[in-house]
Amino acid sequence: MLGTTITAGTITSVLGTTITAGTITGVLGATVTAGTLTNLLNGTLTSVLGATITAGTLTSVLGTTITAGTLTSVLGTTITAGTITSVLGTTITAGTITGVLGATVTAGTLTNLLNGTLTSVLGATITAGTLTSVLGTTITAGTLTSVLGTTITAGTLSSLLNGTITSVLGATITAGRLDSITSISQKSFQEIPTLGITTADAYTPLSPVTTSVFGTYSFFVYNSGATGSADARVEISANGTNWFTDVDTVTGIAAGSVDVLVPQRFLKYTRLAYRSSTPGTPATISVYFNGQGT
């Protein structure tokens, strides 16, 4: 039937037929197993299996399961129930998806998600909206512009460009910059060991330590040699060039002995200097700097 208009009646079965033009006003209880529906103005499609809908408007899809095929364009549509098994390369520009269960969205843009669960978001950019709860999720790439009132109980934040983290419990921050830290419950600690040093007759300094960031710090000096005694002193400086002797050992540190030198005055730079107590009789020492933050 070419160029025909059927305005009323029932077509019980259309098998292997191509209707190229005309209008079918009502299709009741019919099964279309093959062919192309170029334009459906009104009516209900109970089941669409393996079909490709390339154009047109789906005003309402209620309780329908679309198991395969391609939805090229869905404009202004409300999908209130059912399952979308696969949506590949689709852009939904308007409308509401009330429930999406077990679906994978591999491409396209979700402008606004009002409710539901995103199990996995890989390489996505979420530009607006609210994530109420992110539980056990790993977001490996993309940008979260605004996260308000969210609790992240597990997973990894690789990079936080802006925003506020109110509470971080059991989390590891592997990279990025924290511009402002209100409080830290645990003090920082730093240790700098220098091992197996052979003393000379004149004082020789170790590399200076920037001690302006420490509240408490000291030098642990151990004479690990079998013979020879060593002298040690703490030197401080404001500019790293001119040095002042703060404290020193009262007697030499004998072989097998330990001494701890604690600076008495505060300046930006601190270092330890050492020498042989007896000229011509070198000793072997190991020095440990221990510093604790405020």
Protein backbone atom coordinates (compact mmCIF):
# COMPACT_ATOMS: atom_id res chain seq x y z
CA MET A 1 0.00 0.00 0.00
CA LEU A 2 1.84 3.04 -1.28
CA GLY A 3 0.56 6.61 -0.61
CA THR A 4 -2.52 5.31 1.29
CA THR A 5 -4.30 6.78 4.32
CA ILE A 6 -6.19 4.30 6.58
CA THR A 7 -8.32 6.43 8.95
CA ALA A 8 -10.08 3.66 10.89
CA GLY A 9 -10.22 -0.07 11.50
CA THR A 10 -7.84 -2.78 12.74
CA ILE A 11 -4.79 -4.27 11.07
CA THR A 12 -4.36 -7.58 12.93
CA SER A 13 -0.99 -8.56 11.50
CA VAL A 14 1.59 -6.77 9.35
CA LEU A 15 4.43 -9.24 8.60
CA GLY A 16 7.40 -8.25 6.42
CA THR A 17 5.58 -5.19 5.12
CA THR A 18 6.98 -1.73 4.48
CA ILE A 19 4.50 1.15 4.76
CA THR A 20 6.30 4.05 3.07
CA ALA A 21 3.68 6.79 3.44
CA GLY A 22 0.33 7.61 5.02
CA THR A 23 -1.03 7.81 8.56
CA ILE A 24 -2.01 5.01 10.97
CA THR A 25 -4.28 6.77 13.49
CA GLY A 26 -4.52 3.93 16.01
CA VAL A 27 -2.49 0.74 16.50
CA LEU A 28 -4.15 -1.48 19.17
CA GLY A 29 -2.61 -4.78 20.28
CA ALA A 30 -0.38 -5.02 17.23
CA THR A 31 3.08 -6.51 17.00
CA VAL A 32 5.47 -4.94 14.49
CA THR A 33 8.28 -7.50 14.08
CA ALA A 34 10.27 -5.73 11.37
CA GLY A 35 10.36 -2.64 9.20
CA THR A 36 10.52 1.06 9.97
CA LEU A 37 8.05 3.37 11.76
CA THR A 38 9.04 6.77 10.36
CA ASN A 39 6.61 8.83 12.45
CA LEU A 40 4.35 7.75 15.36
CA LEU A 41 2.08 10.65 16.27
CA ASN A 42 0.12 9.00 19.09
CA GLY A 43 -0.28 5.62 20.75
CA THR A 44 1.62 3.20 22.95
CA LEU A 45 4.67 1.03 22.23
CA THR A 46 4.46 -1.75 24.86
CA SER A 47 7.79 -3.36 24.02
CA VAL A 48 10.65 -2.23 21.79
CA LEU A 49 13.21 -5.04 21.43
CA GLY A 50 16.33 -4.56 19.31
CA ALA A 51 14.90 -1.46 17.64
CA THR A 52 16.59 1.73 16.50
CA ILE A 53 14.60 4.95 16.90
CA THR A 54 16.49 7.54 14.89
CA ALA A 55 14.21 10.56 15.17
CA GLY A 56 10.99 11.87 16.62
CA THR A 57 9.71 12.51 20.13
CA LEU A 58 8.93 10.01 22.93
CA THR A 59 6.47 11.97 25.08
CA SER A 60 6.07 9.37 27.79
CA VAL A 61 7.73 6.00 28.42
CA LEU A 62 5.89 4.29 31.31
CA GLY A 63 6.95 0.89 32.65
CA THR A 64 8.86 0.06 29.49
CA THR A 65 12.01 -1.99 29.15
CA ILE A 66 14.31 -1.03 26.29
CA THR A 67 16.85 -3.85 26.12
CA ALA A 68 18.81 -2.78 23.08
CA GLY A 69 18.98 -0.29 20.25
CA THR A 70 19.82 3.37 19.98
CA LEU A 71 17.97 6.46 21.17
CA THR A 72 19.53 9.13 19.00
CA SER A 73 17.66 12.06 20.51
CA VAL A 74 15.30 12.28 23.50
CA LEU A 75 14.08 15.87 23.87
CA GLY A 76 11.77 16.99 26.70
CA THR A 77 10.93 13.44 27.75
CA THR A 78 9.96 12.13 31.19
CA ILE A 79 10.95 8.50 31.85
CA THR A 80 9.20 7.55 35.12
CA ALA A 81 10.02 3.85 35.29
CA GLY A 82 11.62 0.98 33.45
CA THR A 83 15.17 0.01 32.59
CA ILE A 84 17.57 1.57 30.12
CA THR A 85 20.12 -1.21 29.68
CA SER A 86 22.55 0.65 27.47
CA VAL A 87 22.71 4.26 26.29
CA LEU A 88 25.73 4.73 24.04
CA GLY A 89 26.73 8.16 22.74
CA THR A 90 23.37 9.73 23.66
CA THR A 91 22.67 13.27 24.80
CA ILE A 92 19.52 13.80 26.90
CA THR A 93 19.01 17.54 26.85
CA ALA A 94 15.84 17.81 28.92
CA GLY A 95 13.36 15.81 30.95
CA THR A 96 13.54 13.69 34.08
CA ILE A 97 14.89 10.18 34.61
CA THR A 98 13.25 9.09 37.87
CA GLY A 99 15.11 5.83 38.32
CA VAL A 100 18.16 4.40 36.57
CA LEU A 101 19.04 0.97 37.99
CA GLY A 102 22.15 -0.93 36.93
CA ALA A 103 22.81 1.32 33.95
CA THR A 104 26.18 2.31 32.52
CA VAL A 105 26.40 5.73 30.88
CA THR A 106 29.58 5.62 28.81
CA ALA A 107 29.22 8.97 27.06
CA GLY A 108 27.06 12.07 26.98
CA THR A 109 26.21 14.67 29.61
CA LEU A 110 24.08 14.46 32.77
CA THR A 111 23.23 18.11 33.42
CA ASN A 112 21.24 17.55 36.60
CA LEU A 113 20.68 14.37 38.64
CA LEU A 114 17.95 14.98 41.22
CA ASN A 115 17.96 11.56 42.87
CA GLY A 116 19.43 8.12 42.41
CA THR A 117 22.79 6.37 42.64
CA LEU A 118 25.85 6.69 40.44
CA THR A 119 27.81 3.47 41.05
CA SER A 120 30.80 4.43 38.96
CA VAL A 121 31.85 7.78 37.47
CA LEU A 122 34.99 7.43 35.32
CA GLY A 123 36.48 10.47 33.60
CA ALA A 124 33.35 12.56 34.18
CA THR A 125 32.89 16.24 34.92
CA ILE A 126 30.05 17.15 37.29
CA THR A 127 29.52 20.90 36.94
CA ALA A 128 26.52 21.46 39.20
CA GLY A 129 24.13 19.83 41.62
CA THR A 130 24.51 18.13 44.99
CA LEU A 131 26.08 14.78 45.83
CA THR A 132 24.24 13.80 49.01
CA SER A 133 26.21 10.65 49.71
CA VAL A 134 29.29 9.09 48.10
CA LEU A 135 29.86 5.71 49.77
CA GLY A 136 32.84 3.51 48.89
CA THR A 137 33.34 5.25 45.55
CA THR A 138 36.58 5.93 43.71
CA ILE A 139 36.44 8.93 41.36
CA THR A 140 39.58 8.59 39.26
CA ALA A 141 39.23 11.68 37.06
CA GLY A 142 37.10 14.71 36.40
CA THR A 143 36.14 17.80 38.38
CA LEU A 144 33.65 18.24 41.22
CA THR A 145 33.03 21.97 41.17
CA SER A 146 30.91 22.10 44.30
CA VAL A 147 30.35 19.46 47.00
CA LEU A 148 28.03 20.74 49.75
CA GLY A 149 27.26 18.79 52.92
CA THR A 150 28.77 15.56 51.63
CA THR A 151 30.32 12.75 53.61
CA ILE A 152 32.96 10.72 51.78
CA THR A 153 33.51 7.59 53.87
CA ALA A 154 35.93 5.78 51.57
CA GLY A 155 37.77 6.13 48.29
CA THR A 156 40.44 8.48 47.01
CA LEU A 157 40.44 12.21 46.22
CA SER A 158 43.40 12.54 43.84
CA SER A 159 43.15 16.31 43.49
CA LEU A 160 41.08 18.96 45.29
CA LEU A 161 41.33 22.30 43.49
CA ASN A 162 39.02 24.31 45.73
CA GLY A 163 36.58 23.88 48.59
CA THR A 164 36.49 22.93 52.25
CA ILE A 165 37.07 19.55 53.89
CA THR A 166 35.42 19.78 57.30
CA SER A 167 36.49 16.39 58.56
CA VAL A 168 38.96 13.84 57.16
CA LEU A 169 38.72 10.50 58.98
CA GLY A 170 41.14 7.71 58.00
CA ALA A 171 41.86 9.33 54.64
CA THR A 172 45.09 9.54 52.67
CA ILE A 173 45.78 12.75 50.73
CA THR A 174 48.44 11.81 48.18
CA ALA A 175 48.85 15.09 46.29
CA GLY A 176 47.69 18.68 46.02
CA ARG A 177 47.94 21.73 48.27
CA LEU A 178 46.16 22.57 51.52
CA ASP A 179 45.92 26.39 51.62
CA SER A 180 44.42 26.55 55.11
CA ILE A 181 44.57 24.12 58.05
CA THR A 182 42.57 25.12 61.12
CA SER A 183 43.93 22.45 63.45
CA ILE A 184 46.00 19.26 63.37
CA SER A 185 45.67 16.87 66.30
CA GLN A 186 49.10 15.19 65.83
CA LYS A 187 52.45 17.02 65.92
CA SER A 188 54.89 16.60 63.06
CA PHE A 189 58.27 14.94 63.52
CA GLN A 190 61.52 14.98 61.56
CA GLU A 191 64.74 13.00 61.99
CA ILE A 192 68.04 13.66 60.17
CA PRO A 193 70.73 11.01 60.77
CA THR A 194 74.41 11.50 59.85
CA LEU A 195 76.33 8.28 60.49
CA GLY A 196 79.96 7.18 60.66
CA ILE A 197 81.69 10.58 60.81
CA THR A 198 85.45 10.70 61.43
CA THR A 199 86.51 13.67 63.52
CA ALA A 200 89.45 16.00 62.78
CA ASP A 201 91.49 18.31 65.01
CA ALA A 202 89.44 21.44 64.05
CA TYR A 203 85.66 21.87 64.38
CA THR A 204 83.77 20.69 61.31
CA PRO A 205 80.07 21.65 60.97
CA LEU A 206 77.26 19.48 59.65
CA SER A 207 74.72 20.90 57.19
CA PRO A 208 72.45 23.45 58.90
CA VAL A 209 68.83 22.64 59.75
CA THR A 210 66.03 25.20 59.33
CA THR A 211 64.69 25.02 62.88
CA SER A 212 62.17 27.86 62.59
CA VAL A 213 59.39 25.30 62.02
CA PHE A 214 60.17 23.26 65.16
CA GLY A 215 59.06 23.80 68.72
CA THR A 216 61.49 21.29 70.27
CA TYR A 217 64.68 19.87 68.79
CA SER A 218 67.99 18.34 69.87
CA PHE A 219 71.12 16.54 68.68
CA PHE A 220 71.92 12.96 69.76
CA VAL A 221 75.67 12.24 69.44
CA TYR A 222 77.03 8.69 69.78
CA ASN A 223 80.78 7.88 69.76
CA SER A 224 80.75 4.52 67.96
CA GLY A 225 84.53 4.18 67.71
CA ALA A 226 86.74 1.88 69.77
CA THR A 227 89.20 4.67 70.64
CA GLY A 228 89.29 8.44 70.68
CA SER A 229 87.07 11.05 72.31
CA ALA A 230 85.00 13.74 70.51
CA ASP A 231 83.89 17.28 71.32
CA ALA A 232 80.60 18.69 69.94
CA ARG A 233 78.84 22.04 70.03
CA VAL A 234 75.57 23.56 68.76
CA GLU A 235 75.86 26.65 66.55
CA ILE A 236 72.97 28.95 65.62
CA SER A 237 72.50 31.64 62.97
CA ALA A 238 69.88 34.10 61.73
CA ASN A 239 71.22 34.33 58.16
CA GLY A 240 73.01 30.99 57.60
CA THR A 241 76.38 32.76 57.25
CA ASN A 242 77.38 34.10 60.65
CA TRP A 243 77.32 31.52 63.45
CA PHE A 244 77.18 31.76 67.26
CA THR A 245 78.11 28.94 69.66
CA ASP A 246 75.05 28.15 71.78
CA VAL A 247 75.96 25.04 73.85
CA ASP A 248 78.80 22.50 73.81
CA THR A 249 79.94 19.35 75.56
CA VAL A 250 81.44 19.93 79.01
CA THR A 251 83.82 17.00 78.61
CA GLY A 252 84.66 14.92 75.58
CA ILE A 253 82.35 12.12 74.46
CA ALA A 254 84.33 8.95 75.17
CA ALA A 255 84.32 5.87 72.94
CA GLY A 256 81.04 4.02 73.34
CA SER A 257 79.36 6.99 75.08
CA VAL A 258 76.39 9.22 74.20
CA ASP A 259 75.62 12.90 74.75
CA VAL A 260 72.51 14.95 73.90
CA LEU A 261 72.85 18.64 73.08
CA VAL A 262 69.70 20.77 73.41
CA PRO A 263 69.89 24.35 72.03
CA GLN A 264 69.22 27.06 74.60
CA ARG A 265 68.52 29.92 72.19
CA PHE A 266 66.25 30.15 69.13
CA LEU A 267 67.32 31.31 65.68
CA LYS A 268 66.28 30.30 62.17
CA TYR A 269 69.23 27.99 61.49
CA THR A 270 70.92 25.43 63.76
CA ARG A 271 73.82 23.05 63.14
CA LEU A 272 76.18 20.73 65.03
CA ALA A 273 79.98 21.03 64.84
CA TYR A 274 82.43 18.34 66.03
CA ARG A 275 86.18 17.72 66.51
CA SER A 276 88.64 15.30 68.12
CA SER A 277 89.12 15.94 71.85
CA THR A 278 92.78 14.95 71.55
CA PRO A 279 94.67 16.28 68.49
CA GLY A 280 95.85 13.45 66.27
CA THR A 281 93.44 10.93 67.82
CA PRO A 282 90.29 10.84 65.67
CA ALA A 283 86.97 9.39 66.79
CA THR A 284 84.00 8.01 64.87
CA ILE A 285 80.61 9.49 65.72
CA SER A 286 77.00 9.29 64.56
CA VAL A 287 74.68 12.29 64.92
CA TYR A 288 70.86 12.26 64.95
CA PHE A 289 68.83 15.45 64.72
CA ASN A 290 65.29 15.07 66.13
CA GLY A 291 62.75 17.87 65.71
CA GLN A 292 59.07 18.09 66.75
CA GLY A 293 56.60 20.59 65.33
CA THR A 294 54.41 22.85 67.45
